[in-house]
């Protein structure tokens, strides 16, 4: 039974999230072709493969991924678990950007400065330095507005309804394999 091992070329959903139950080493995706030409995909313990210090057998990829996805989907069927997941997503999302609040604060301060300069001009205080300062503040406002827009585009905020929909939409293994769907394929869950 000639079995040729190959480096994994397809997507392995549990890569970097799966640990051996016997020794705790990371498990990785691998594929092999039998003497009949049939391709097999599986997860293998790194210690069993490289150091030969673990006797954990390889686990079929599809079986294991289906099991993990089904168990994960059971978690989101429970309202309390669903709400806890959504709350955590919202919390993490709010922690993501440290720059955006700083830019927004600077923009408010800049707008206050512009308002103060305009008030000074209305009171008749107009010098070359007043004009230069106003122009500098207006340039700073444009730059900060651009940075805020870039930051918001780079990290769009999801609403709770969208997260709930995304979790309830389920998992499409065909979409994950094709790279067009498979929501959990895109989710970074730690299964340890």
N, C-alpha and C. Protein backbone atom coordinates (compact mmCIF):
# COMPACT_ATOMS: atom_id res chain seq x y z
N UNK A 1 0.85 -1.17 0.00
CA UNK A 1 0.00 0.00 0.00
C UNK A 1 0.89 1.23 0.00
N UNK A 2 1.43 1.60 -1.16
CA UNK A 2 2.31 2.76 -1.27
C UNK A 2 1.54 4.04 -1.02
N UNK A 3 2.03 4.83 -0.08
CA UNK A 3 1.33 6.06 0.30
C UNK A 3 2.34 7.19 0.26
N UNK A 4 2.18 8.11 -0.68
CA UNK A 4 3.11 9.21 -0.85
C UNK A 4 2.56 10.43 -0.13
N UNK A 5 3.35 10.98 0.77
CA UNK A 5 2.92 12.13 1.55
C UNK A 5 3.21 13.41 0.77
N UNK A 6 2.29 14.35 0.85
CA UNK A 6 2.42 15.64 0.17
C UNK A 6 2.20 16.76 1.15
N UNK A 7 2.81 17.88 0.85
CA UNK A 7 2.55 19.09 1.64
C UNK A 7 1.12 19.54 1.32
N UNK A 8 0.42 20.00 2.32
CA UNK A 8 -0.98 20.39 2.15
C UNK A 8 -1.11 21.56 1.18
N UNK A 9 -1.90 21.39 0.14
CA UNK A 9 -2.15 22.46 -0.81
C UNK A 9 -3.56 23.00 -0.69
N UNK A 10 -4.41 22.32 0.03
CA UNK A 10 -5.77 22.82 0.17
C UNK A 10 -5.94 23.46 1.54
N UNK A 11 -7.07 24.07 1.73
CA UNK A 11 -7.33 24.82 2.96
C UNK A 11 -7.62 23.86 4.12
N UNK A 12 -6.94 24.08 5.22
CA UNK A 12 -7.16 23.29 6.43
C UNK A 12 -7.73 24.24 7.48
N UNK A 13 -8.99 24.07 7.78
CA UNK A 13 -9.76 24.94 8.66
C UNK A 13 -9.15 25.08 10.06
N UNK A 14 -8.55 24.05 10.56
CA UNK A 14 -8.09 24.02 11.95
C UNK A 14 -6.60 24.32 12.12
N UNK A 15 -5.95 24.72 11.05
CA UNK A 15 -4.53 25.05 11.12
C UNK A 15 -4.30 26.12 12.18
N UNK A 16 -3.33 25.92 13.01
CA UNK A 16 -2.93 26.78 14.14
C UNK A 16 -3.94 26.78 15.29
N UNK A 17 -4.96 25.96 15.21
CA UNK A 17 -5.99 25.93 16.26
C UNK A 17 -6.14 24.54 16.86
N UNK A 18 -5.46 23.57 16.34
CA UNK A 18 -5.67 22.18 16.73
C UNK A 18 -4.41 21.63 17.40
N UNK A 19 -4.62 21.04 18.57
CA UNK A 19 -3.50 20.48 19.34
C UNK A 19 -3.75 19.00 19.59
N UNK A 20 -2.69 18.24 19.63
CA UNK A 20 -2.77 16.80 19.87
C UNK A 20 -3.33 16.54 21.28
N UNK A 21 -4.29 15.63 21.37
CA UNK A 21 -4.88 15.28 22.64
C UNK A 21 -3.97 14.41 23.50
N UNK A 22 -2.96 13.80 22.89
CA UNK A 22 -2.05 12.94 23.65
C UNK A 22 -0.86 13.68 24.20
N UNK A 23 -0.22 14.53 23.37
CA UNK A 23 1.02 15.18 23.83
C UNK A 23 0.94 16.70 23.87
N UNK A 24 -0.09 17.29 23.29
CA UNK A 24 -0.25 18.74 23.32
C UNK A 24 0.44 19.49 22.20
N UNK A 25 1.13 18.77 21.31
CA UNK A 25 1.82 19.43 20.20
C UNK A 25 0.80 19.92 19.17
N UNK A 26 1.21 20.88 18.38
CA UNK A 26 0.36 21.40 17.32
C UNK A 26 0.13 20.32 16.26
N UNK A 27 -1.08 20.28 15.72
CA UNK A 27 -1.36 19.35 14.63
C UNK A 27 -1.46 20.17 13.34
N UNK A 28 -1.05 19.60 12.24
CA UNK A 28 -1.03 20.33 10.98
C UNK A 28 -1.66 19.48 9.89
N UNK A 29 -2.08 20.15 8.82
CA UNK A 29 -2.71 19.47 7.71
C UNK A 29 -1.69 18.83 6.79
N UNK A 30 -2.05 17.67 6.30
CA UNK A 30 -1.18 16.95 5.39
C UNK A 30 -2.05 16.14 4.45
N UNK A 31 -1.53 15.85 3.28
CA UNK A 31 -2.28 15.02 2.35
C UNK A 31 -1.35 13.94 1.79
N UNK A 32 -1.96 12.90 1.30
CA UNK A 32 -1.19 11.82 0.72
C UNK A 32 -1.99 11.15 -0.39
N UNK A 33 -1.28 10.49 -1.30
CA UNK A 33 -1.93 9.80 -2.41
C UNK A 33 -1.60 8.32 -2.29
N UNK A 34 -2.63 7.49 -2.34
CA UNK A 34 -2.43 6.05 -2.24
C UNK A 34 -1.93 5.51 -3.58
N UNK A 35 -1.59 4.22 -3.60
CA UNK A 35 -1.09 3.60 -4.83
C UNK A 35 -2.17 3.59 -5.93
N UNK A 36 -3.43 3.75 -5.54
CA UNK A 36 -4.52 3.79 -6.53
C UNK A 36 -4.73 5.21 -7.07
N UNK A 37 -4.03 6.18 -6.49
CA UNK A 37 -4.15 7.56 -6.95
C UNK A 37 -5.15 8.38 -6.17
N UNK A 38 -5.80 7.77 -5.17
CA UNK A 38 -6.78 8.50 -4.38
C UNK A 38 -6.06 9.40 -3.37
N UNK A 39 -6.53 10.65 -3.28
CA UNK A 39 -5.92 11.61 -2.35
C UNK A 39 -6.63 11.55 -1.02
N UNK A 40 -5.85 11.54 0.06
CA UNK A 40 -6.37 11.57 1.42
C UNK A 40 -5.85 12.82 2.10
N UNK A 41 -6.71 13.46 2.87
CA UNK A 41 -6.30 14.65 3.62
C UNK A 41 -6.56 14.37 5.09
N UNK A 42 -5.64 14.83 5.92
CA UNK A 42 -5.74 14.53 7.34
C UNK A 42 -4.93 15.53 8.15
N UNK A 43 -5.11 15.46 9.46
CA UNK A 43 -4.31 16.25 10.40
C UNK A 43 -3.38 15.29 11.11
N UNK A 44 -2.15 15.74 11.30
CA UNK A 44 -1.14 14.90 11.92
C UNK A 44 -0.44 15.66 13.04
N UNK A 45 -0.14 14.97 14.12
CA UNK A 45 0.57 15.55 15.26
C UNK A 45 2.02 15.84 14.84
N UNK A 46 2.47 17.06 15.12
CA UNK A 46 3.83 17.45 14.75
C UNK A 46 4.87 16.59 15.46
N UNK A 47 4.62 16.23 16.72
CA UNK A 47 5.58 15.39 17.47
C UNK A 47 5.61 13.98 16.90
N UNK A 48 4.48 13.48 16.44
CA UNK A 48 4.43 12.14 15.85
C UNK A 48 5.17 12.13 14.52
N UNK A 49 5.08 13.20 13.77
CA UNK A 49 5.71 13.25 12.44
C UNK A 49 7.20 13.54 12.53
N UNK A 50 7.57 14.59 13.28
CA UNK A 50 8.95 15.04 13.26
C UNK A 50 9.85 14.33 14.27
N UNK A 51 9.40 14.23 15.50
CA UNK A 51 10.25 13.68 16.56
C UNK A 51 9.98 12.22 16.84
N UNK A 52 8.85 11.74 16.36
CA UNK A 52 8.41 10.35 16.62
C UNK A 52 8.24 10.09 18.12
N UNK A 53 7.91 11.17 18.87
CA UNK A 53 7.74 11.03 20.32
C UNK A 53 6.28 10.86 20.73
N UNK A 54 5.38 10.84 19.76
CA UNK A 54 3.95 10.68 20.05
C UNK A 54 3.40 9.61 19.11
N UNK A 55 2.50 8.79 19.63
CA UNK A 55 1.94 7.72 18.78
C UNK A 55 0.52 8.04 18.29
N UNK A 56 0.16 9.32 18.32
CA UNK A 56 -1.17 9.73 17.84
C UNK A 56 -1.27 9.45 16.35
N UNK A 57 -2.32 8.77 15.97
CA UNK A 57 -2.55 8.47 14.55
C UNK A 57 -3.10 9.71 13.85
N UNK A 58 -2.91 9.78 12.56
CA UNK A 58 -3.46 10.87 11.76
C UNK A 58 -4.99 10.80 11.81
N UNK A 59 -5.63 11.97 11.75
CA UNK A 59 -7.09 12.05 11.82
C UNK A 59 -7.60 12.60 10.50
N UNK A 60 -8.62 11.97 9.95
CA UNK A 60 -9.18 12.42 8.68
C UNK A 60 -9.66 13.87 8.78
N UNK A 61 -9.24 14.66 7.83
CA UNK A 61 -9.54 16.09 7.80
C UNK A 61 -11.05 16.36 7.79
N UNK A 62 -11.76 15.78 6.84
CA UNK A 62 -13.18 16.09 6.68
C UNK A 62 -13.98 15.70 7.92
N UNK A 63 -13.70 14.54 8.47
CA UNK A 63 -14.42 14.08 9.65
C UNK A 63 -14.21 15.06 10.81
N UNK A 64 -12.94 15.44 11.06
CA UNK A 64 -12.62 16.31 12.18
C UNK A 64 -13.19 17.71 11.99
N UNK A 65 -13.04 18.26 10.80
CA UNK A 65 -13.57 19.60 10.55
C UNK A 65 -15.09 19.62 10.67
N UNK A 66 -15.76 18.60 10.15
CA UNK A 66 -17.22 18.53 10.28
C UNK A 66 -17.62 18.46 11.75
N UNK A 67 -16.90 17.66 12.54
CA UNK A 67 -17.19 17.54 13.96
C UNK A 67 -17.06 18.89 14.67
N UNK A 68 -15.95 19.59 14.41
CA UNK A 68 -15.71 20.88 15.06
C UNK A 68 -16.76 21.90 14.63
N UNK A 69 -17.06 21.95 13.35
CA UNK A 69 -18.06 22.90 12.87
C UNK A 69 -19.43 22.60 13.48
N UNK A 70 -19.82 21.33 13.49
CA UNK A 70 -21.13 20.97 14.06
C UNK A 70 -21.21 21.31 15.54
N UNK A 71 -20.16 21.03 16.30
CA UNK A 71 -20.16 21.35 17.72
C UNK A 71 -20.17 22.87 17.93
N UNK A 72 -19.45 23.58 17.09
CA UNK A 72 -19.44 25.05 17.20
C UNK A 72 -20.82 25.60 16.87
N UNK A 73 -21.47 25.05 15.86
CA UNK A 73 -22.81 25.51 15.50
C UNK A 73 -23.81 25.22 16.62
N UNK A 74 -23.61 24.15 17.36
CA UNK A 74 -24.48 23.86 18.51
C UNK A 74 -24.35 24.97 19.56
N UNK A 75 -23.14 25.50 19.70
CA UNK A 75 -22.93 26.59 20.67
C UNK A 75 -23.77 27.81 20.34
N UNK A 76 -23.85 28.14 19.04
CA UNK A 76 -24.57 29.35 18.68
C UNK A 76 -26.08 29.13 18.64
N UNK A 77 -26.53 27.88 18.74
CA UNK A 77 -27.97 27.62 18.80
C UNK A 77 -28.54 28.02 20.16
N UNK A 78 -27.71 28.03 21.17
CA UNK A 78 -28.12 28.41 22.52
C UNK A 78 -28.09 29.93 22.62
N UNK A 79 -29.22 30.55 22.99
CA UNK A 79 -29.32 32.01 23.04
C UNK A 79 -28.28 32.64 23.96
N UNK A 80 -28.05 32.04 25.11
CA UNK A 80 -27.08 32.61 26.05
C UNK A 80 -25.68 32.60 25.44
N UNK A 81 -25.31 31.51 24.80
CA UNK A 81 -23.99 31.42 24.15
C UNK A 81 -23.90 32.41 22.99
N UNK A 82 -24.96 32.48 22.20
CA UNK A 82 -24.99 33.41 21.07
C UNK A 82 -24.78 34.84 21.56
N UNK A 83 -25.51 35.22 22.61
CA UNK A 83 -25.39 36.58 23.14
C UNK A 83 -23.99 36.84 23.71
N UNK A 84 -23.39 35.83 24.33
CA UNK A 84 -22.03 35.98 24.88
C UNK A 84 -21.02 36.17 23.74
N UNK A 85 -21.18 35.41 22.67
CA UNK A 85 -20.27 35.54 21.51
C UNK A 85 -20.42 36.92 20.89
N UNK A 86 -21.66 37.36 20.71
CA UNK A 86 -21.90 38.68 20.11
C UNK A 86 -21.31 39.77 21.00
N UNK A 87 -21.50 39.66 22.31
CA UNK A 87 -20.96 40.66 23.23
C UNK A 87 -19.44 40.72 23.13
N UNK A 88 -18.80 39.56 23.02
CA UNK A 88 -17.34 39.51 22.92
C UNK A 88 -16.86 40.12 21.60
N UNK A 89 -17.57 39.82 20.51
CA UNK A 89 -17.21 40.40 19.21
C UNK A 89 -17.31 41.92 19.27
N UNK A 90 -18.40 42.42 19.86
CA UNK A 90 -18.59 43.87 19.96
C UNK A 90 -17.49 44.49 20.83
N UNK A 91 -17.14 43.83 21.91
CA UNK A 91 -16.08 44.33 22.80
C UNK A 91 -14.73 44.37 22.08
N UNK A 92 -14.39 43.29 21.39
CA UNK A 92 -13.12 43.24 20.67
C UNK A 92 -13.07 44.27 19.55
N UNK A 93 -14.18 44.43 18.89
CA UNK A 93 -14.26 45.40 17.80
C UNK A 93 -14.03 46.82 18.32
N UNK A 94 -14.55 47.12 19.49
CA UNK A 94 -14.36 48.45 20.06
C UNK A 94 -12.93 48.67 20.55
N UNK A 95 -12.23 47.59 20.86
CA UNK A 95 -10.84 47.70 21.31
C UNK A 95 -9.86 47.75 20.16
N UNK A 96 -10.29 47.34 18.97
CA UNK A 96 -9.39 47.19 17.84
C UNK A 96 -8.58 48.44 17.53
N UNK A 97 -9.25 49.55 17.32
CA UNK A 97 -8.54 50.75 16.87
C UNK A 97 -8.15 51.62 18.05
N UNK A 98 -6.86 51.83 18.18
CA UNK A 98 -6.41 52.76 19.20
C UNK A 98 -6.17 54.13 18.57
N UNK A 99 -6.01 54.17 17.25
CA UNK A 99 -5.74 55.43 16.55
C UNK A 99 -7.00 56.27 16.36
N UNK A 100 -8.12 55.61 16.04
CA UNK A 100 -9.34 56.34 15.72
C UNK A 100 -9.77 57.30 16.83
N UNK A 101 -9.85 56.87 18.10
CA UNK A 101 -10.24 57.83 19.14
C UNK A 101 -9.26 59.00 19.27
N UNK A 102 -8.00 58.74 19.04
CA UNK A 102 -6.99 59.81 19.12
C UNK A 102 -7.23 60.82 18.00
N UNK A 103 -7.44 60.31 16.78
CA UNK A 103 -7.70 61.20 15.64
C UNK A 103 -8.97 62.01 15.86
N UNK A 104 -10.01 61.36 16.39
CA UNK A 104 -11.28 62.06 16.63
C UNK A 104 -11.11 63.17 17.68
N UNK A 105 -10.33 62.88 18.73
CA UNK A 105 -10.07 63.89 19.77
C UNK A 105 -9.28 65.06 19.17
N UNK A 106 -8.27 64.74 18.37
CA UNK A 106 -7.46 65.79 17.74
C UNK A 106 -8.31 66.64 16.79
N UNK A 107 -9.25 66.00 16.10
CA UNK A 107 -10.13 66.73 15.19
C UNK A 107 -11.01 67.70 15.96
N UNK A 108 -11.56 67.25 17.08
CA UNK A 108 -12.39 68.14 17.91
C UNK A 108 -11.58 69.33 18.39
N UNK A 109 -10.36 69.08 18.85
CA UNK A 109 -9.49 70.16 19.33
C UNK A 109 -9.17 71.13 18.19
N UNK A 110 -8.93 70.58 17.01
CA UNK A 110 -8.63 71.42 15.85
C UNK A 110 -9.83 72.28 15.47
N UNK A 111 -11.02 71.69 15.52
CA UNK A 111 -12.23 72.46 15.20
C UNK A 111 -12.49 73.55 16.23
N UNK A 112 -12.18 73.29 17.49
CA UNK A 112 -12.30 74.32 18.52
C UNK A 112 -11.31 75.45 18.20
N UNK A 113 -10.10 75.09 17.81
CA UNK A 113 -9.09 76.09 17.44
C UNK A 113 -9.54 76.94 16.26
N UNK A 114 -10.16 76.30 15.26
CA UNK A 114 -10.66 77.05 14.09
C UNK A 114 -11.77 78.01 14.53
N UNK A 115 -12.68 77.51 15.36
CA UNK A 115 -13.77 78.37 15.86
C UNK A 115 -13.21 79.56 16.63
N UNK A 116 -12.21 79.33 17.46
CA UNK A 116 -11.59 80.41 18.23
C UNK A 116 -10.92 81.43 17.30
N UNK A 117 -10.26 80.94 16.26
CA UNK A 117 -9.60 81.84 15.31
C UNK A 117 -10.64 82.68 14.57
N UNK A 118 -11.74 82.04 14.16
CA UNK A 118 -12.80 82.78 13.46
C UNK A 118 -13.43 83.83 14.38
N UNK A 119 -13.60 83.49 15.67
CA UNK A 119 -14.12 84.46 16.64
C UNK A 119 -13.17 85.64 16.78
N UNK A 120 -11.87 85.37 16.79
CA UNK A 120 -10.87 86.44 16.91
C UNK A 120 -10.92 87.34 15.68
N UNK A 121 -11.09 86.75 14.51
CA UNK A 121 -11.17 87.53 13.27
C UNK A 121 -12.43 88.40 13.29
N UNK A 122 -13.55 87.83 13.77
CA UNK A 122 -14.79 88.61 13.84
C UNK A 122 -14.66 89.78 14.81
N UNK A 123 -13.80 89.62 15.79
CA UNK A 123 -13.59 90.71 16.76
C UNK A 123 -12.58 91.73 16.23
N UNK A 124 -12.09 91.50 15.02
CA UNK A 124 -11.18 92.46 14.41
C UNK A 124 -9.71 92.16 14.64
N UNK A 125 -9.41 91.01 15.20
CA UNK A 125 -8.00 90.65 15.42
C UNK A 125 -7.54 89.85 14.19
N UNK A 126 -6.97 90.57 13.23
CA UNK A 126 -6.52 89.91 12.00
C UNK A 126 -5.10 90.36 11.72
N UNK A 127 -4.17 89.42 11.91
CA UNK A 127 -2.77 89.68 11.61
C UNK A 127 -2.30 88.59 10.67
N UNK A 128 -1.08 88.70 10.20
CA UNK A 128 -0.55 87.66 9.30
C UNK A 128 -0.41 86.33 10.05
N UNK A 129 -0.07 86.38 11.33
CA UNK A 129 0.06 85.14 12.11
C UNK A 129 -1.31 84.52 12.37
N UNK A 130 -2.36 85.34 12.52
CA UNK A 130 -3.72 84.81 12.70
C UNK A 130 -4.14 84.03 11.46
N UNK A 131 -3.87 84.65 10.30
CA UNK A 131 -4.22 84.01 9.01
C UNK A 131 -3.43 82.71 8.83
N UNK A 132 -2.13 82.74 9.13
CA UNK A 132 -1.28 81.54 9.00
C UNK A 132 -1.78 80.43 9.92
N UNK A 133 -2.13 80.79 11.15
CA UNK A 133 -2.60 79.80 12.13
C UNK A 133 -3.92 79.18 11.68
N UNK A 134 -4.83 79.99 11.15
CA UNK A 134 -6.10 79.49 10.66
C UNK A 134 -5.89 78.52 9.50
N UNK A 135 -5.01 78.87 8.58
CA UNK A 135 -4.72 78.00 7.43
C UNK A 135 -4.09 76.68 7.91
N UNK A 136 -3.19 76.78 8.89
CA UNK A 136 -2.56 75.57 9.43
C UNK A 136 -3.60 74.66 10.09
N UNK A 137 -4.53 75.26 10.84
CA UNK A 137 -5.59 74.48 11.48
C UNK A 137 -6.51 73.83 10.45
N UNK A 138 -6.83 74.56 9.39
CA UNK A 138 -7.68 73.99 8.34
C UNK A 138 -6.99 72.84 7.62
N UNK A 139 -5.68 72.97 7.38
CA UNK A 139 -4.92 71.87 6.77
C UNK A 139 -4.90 70.65 7.70
N UNK A 140 -4.70 70.92 8.99
CA UNK A 140 -4.68 69.84 9.98
C UNK A 140 -6.05 69.14 10.03
N UNK A 141 -7.13 69.91 9.94
CA UNK A 141 -8.48 69.32 9.95
C UNK A 141 -8.66 68.38 8.75
N UNK A 142 -8.24 68.83 7.56
CA UNK A 142 -8.35 67.99 6.35
C UNK A 142 -7.57 66.69 6.51
N UNK A 143 -6.36 66.81 7.06
CA UNK A 143 -5.52 65.62 7.25
C UNK A 143 -6.16 64.65 8.25
N UNK A 144 -6.68 65.18 9.34
CA UNK A 144 -7.32 64.33 10.35
C UNK A 144 -8.60 63.69 9.81
N UNK A 145 -9.38 64.43 9.05
CA UNK A 145 -10.59 63.87 8.45
C UNK A 145 -10.23 62.71 7.51
N UNK A 146 -9.14 62.87 6.76
CA UNK A 146 -8.70 61.81 5.86
C UNK A 146 -8.24 60.58 6.64
N UNK A 147 -7.49 60.80 7.72
CA UNK A 147 -7.03 59.68 8.55
C UNK A 147 -8.20 58.94 9.19
N UNK A 148 -9.20 59.68 9.66
CA UNK A 148 -10.38 59.06 10.27
C UNK A 148 -11.12 58.23 9.23
N UNK A 149 -11.28 58.77 8.04
CA UNK A 149 -11.96 58.03 6.96
C UNK A 149 -11.20 56.75 6.62
N UNK A 150 -9.88 56.84 6.52
CA UNK A 150 -9.06 55.66 6.22
C UNK A 150 -9.20 54.60 7.31
N UNK A 151 -9.17 55.06 8.55
CA UNK A 151 -9.27 54.14 9.69
C UNK A 151 -10.63 53.43 9.69
N UNK A 152 -11.68 54.17 9.41
CA UNK A 152 -13.03 53.58 9.38
C UNK A 152 -13.18 52.60 8.23
N UNK A 153 -12.57 52.91 7.10
CA UNK A 153 -12.64 52.00 5.95
C UNK A 153 -11.82 50.73 6.21
N UNK A 154 -10.70 50.90 6.88
CA UNK A 154 -9.83 49.75 7.15
C UNK A 154 -10.46 48.80 8.16
N UNK A 155 -11.19 49.33 9.12
CA UNK A 155 -11.79 48.50 10.17
C UNK A 155 -13.26 48.88 10.34
N UNK A 156 -14.10 48.43 9.40
CA UNK A 156 -15.51 48.80 9.52
C UNK A 156 -16.15 48.17 10.76
N UNK A 157 -17.06 48.89 11.35
CA UNK A 157 -17.76 48.39 12.55
C UNK A 157 -18.95 47.54 12.13
N UNK A 158 -19.08 46.39 12.77
CA UNK A 158 -20.23 45.52 12.52
C UNK A 158 -21.29 45.80 13.58
N UNK A 159 -22.51 45.76 13.15
CA UNK A 159 -23.61 45.91 14.11
C UNK A 159 -23.94 44.54 14.68
N UNK A 160 -24.57 44.54 15.86
CA UNK A 160 -24.93 43.28 16.52
C UNK A 160 -25.79 42.40 15.61
N UNK A 161 -26.70 43.02 14.86
CA UNK A 161 -27.59 42.25 13.97
C UNK A 161 -26.79 41.51 12.91
N UNK A 162 -25.74 42.17 12.39
CA UNK A 162 -24.92 41.52 11.37
C UNK A 162 -24.17 40.33 11.95
N UNK A 163 -23.61 40.48 13.15
CA UNK A 163 -22.88 39.38 13.79
C UNK A 163 -23.82 38.21 14.04
N UNK A 164 -25.03 38.51 14.52
CA UNK A 164 -26.03 37.45 14.76
C UNK A 164 -26.36 36.73 13.45
N UNK A 165 -26.60 37.50 12.39
CA UNK A 165 -26.90 36.91 11.09
C UNK A 165 -25.75 36.01 10.63
N UNK A 166 -24.53 36.51 10.75
CA UNK A 166 -23.35 35.79 10.31
C UNK A 166 -23.22 34.46 11.04
N UNK A 167 -23.47 34.49 12.36
CA UNK A 167 -23.38 33.26 13.15
C UNK A 167 -24.50 32.29 12.80
N UNK A 168 -25.70 32.82 12.56
CA UNK A 168 -26.84 31.95 12.25
C UNK A 168 -26.81 31.43 10.82
N UNK A 169 -26.05 32.11 9.95
CA UNK A 169 -25.99 31.70 8.55
C UNK A 169 -25.36 30.32 8.40
N UNK A 170 -24.59 29.93 9.40
CA UNK A 170 -24.02 28.59 9.39
C UNK A 170 -22.73 28.49 8.63
N UNK A 171 -22.44 27.28 8.26
CA UNK A 171 -21.17 26.95 7.64
C UNK A 171 -21.42 26.19 6.35
N UNK A 172 -20.77 26.59 5.29
CA UNK A 172 -20.90 25.93 4.00
C UNK A 172 -19.54 25.32 3.65
N UNK A 173 -19.36 24.01 3.87
CA UNK A 173 -18.05 23.41 3.61
C UNK A 173 -17.61 23.56 2.17
N UNK A 174 -18.56 23.51 1.23
CA UNK A 174 -18.19 23.67 -0.18
C UNK A 174 -17.67 25.08 -0.42
N UNK A 175 -18.31 26.07 0.24
CA UNK A 175 -17.86 27.45 0.10
C UNK A 175 -16.50 27.66 0.72
N UNK A 176 -16.24 26.98 1.82
CA UNK A 176 -14.93 27.11 2.47
C UNK A 176 -13.85 26.52 1.59
N UNK A 177 -14.13 25.37 0.99
CA UNK A 177 -13.14 24.72 0.13
C UNK A 177 -12.86 25.56 -1.11
N UNK A 178 -13.90 26.22 -1.62
CA UNK A 178 -13.74 27.03 -2.82
C UNK A 178 -13.22 28.43 -2.49
N UNK A 179 -13.19 28.77 -1.20
CA UNK A 179 -12.73 30.08 -0.80
C UNK A 179 -13.78 31.16 -1.00
N UNK A 180 -15.05 30.76 -1.18
CA UNK A 180 -16.11 31.73 -1.43
C UNK A 180 -17.07 31.86 -0.28
N UNK A 181 -16.91 31.07 0.75
CA UNK A 181 -17.86 31.14 1.85
C UNK A 181 -17.28 30.42 3.03
N UNK A 182 -18.10 29.58 3.65
CA UNK A 182 -17.63 28.84 4.80
C UNK A 182 -17.26 29.77 5.93
N UNK A 183 -18.25 30.42 6.49
CA UNK A 183 -18.00 31.48 7.46
C UNK A 183 -16.98 31.11 8.52
N UNK A 184 -17.05 29.92 9.05
CA UNK A 184 -16.12 29.57 10.13
C UNK A 184 -14.70 29.45 9.62
N UNK A 185 -14.55 29.29 8.30
CA UNK A 185 -13.22 29.27 7.71
C UNK A 185 -12.53 30.62 7.94
N UNK A 186 -13.33 31.68 8.00
CA UNK A 186 -12.78 33.01 8.14
C UNK A 186 -12.69 33.42 9.61
N UNK A 187 -13.22 32.63 10.50
CA UNK A 187 -13.27 32.98 11.92
C UNK A 187 -12.04 32.41 12.61
N UNK A 188 -11.44 33.18 13.47
CA UNK A 188 -10.23 32.74 14.16
C UNK A 188 -10.59 32.22 15.54
N UNK A 189 -11.06 31.00 15.59
CA UNK A 189 -11.43 30.39 16.87
C UNK A 189 -10.26 29.60 17.40
N UNK A 190 -9.97 29.72 18.65
CA UNK A 190 -8.96 28.88 19.26
C UNK A 190 -9.67 27.69 19.88
N UNK A 191 -9.28 26.51 19.47
CA UNK A 191 -9.97 25.31 19.91
C UNK A 191 -9.20 24.61 21.03
N UNK A 192 -8.29 25.29 21.63
CA UNK A 192 -7.48 24.68 22.67
C UNK A 192 -8.18 24.71 23.99
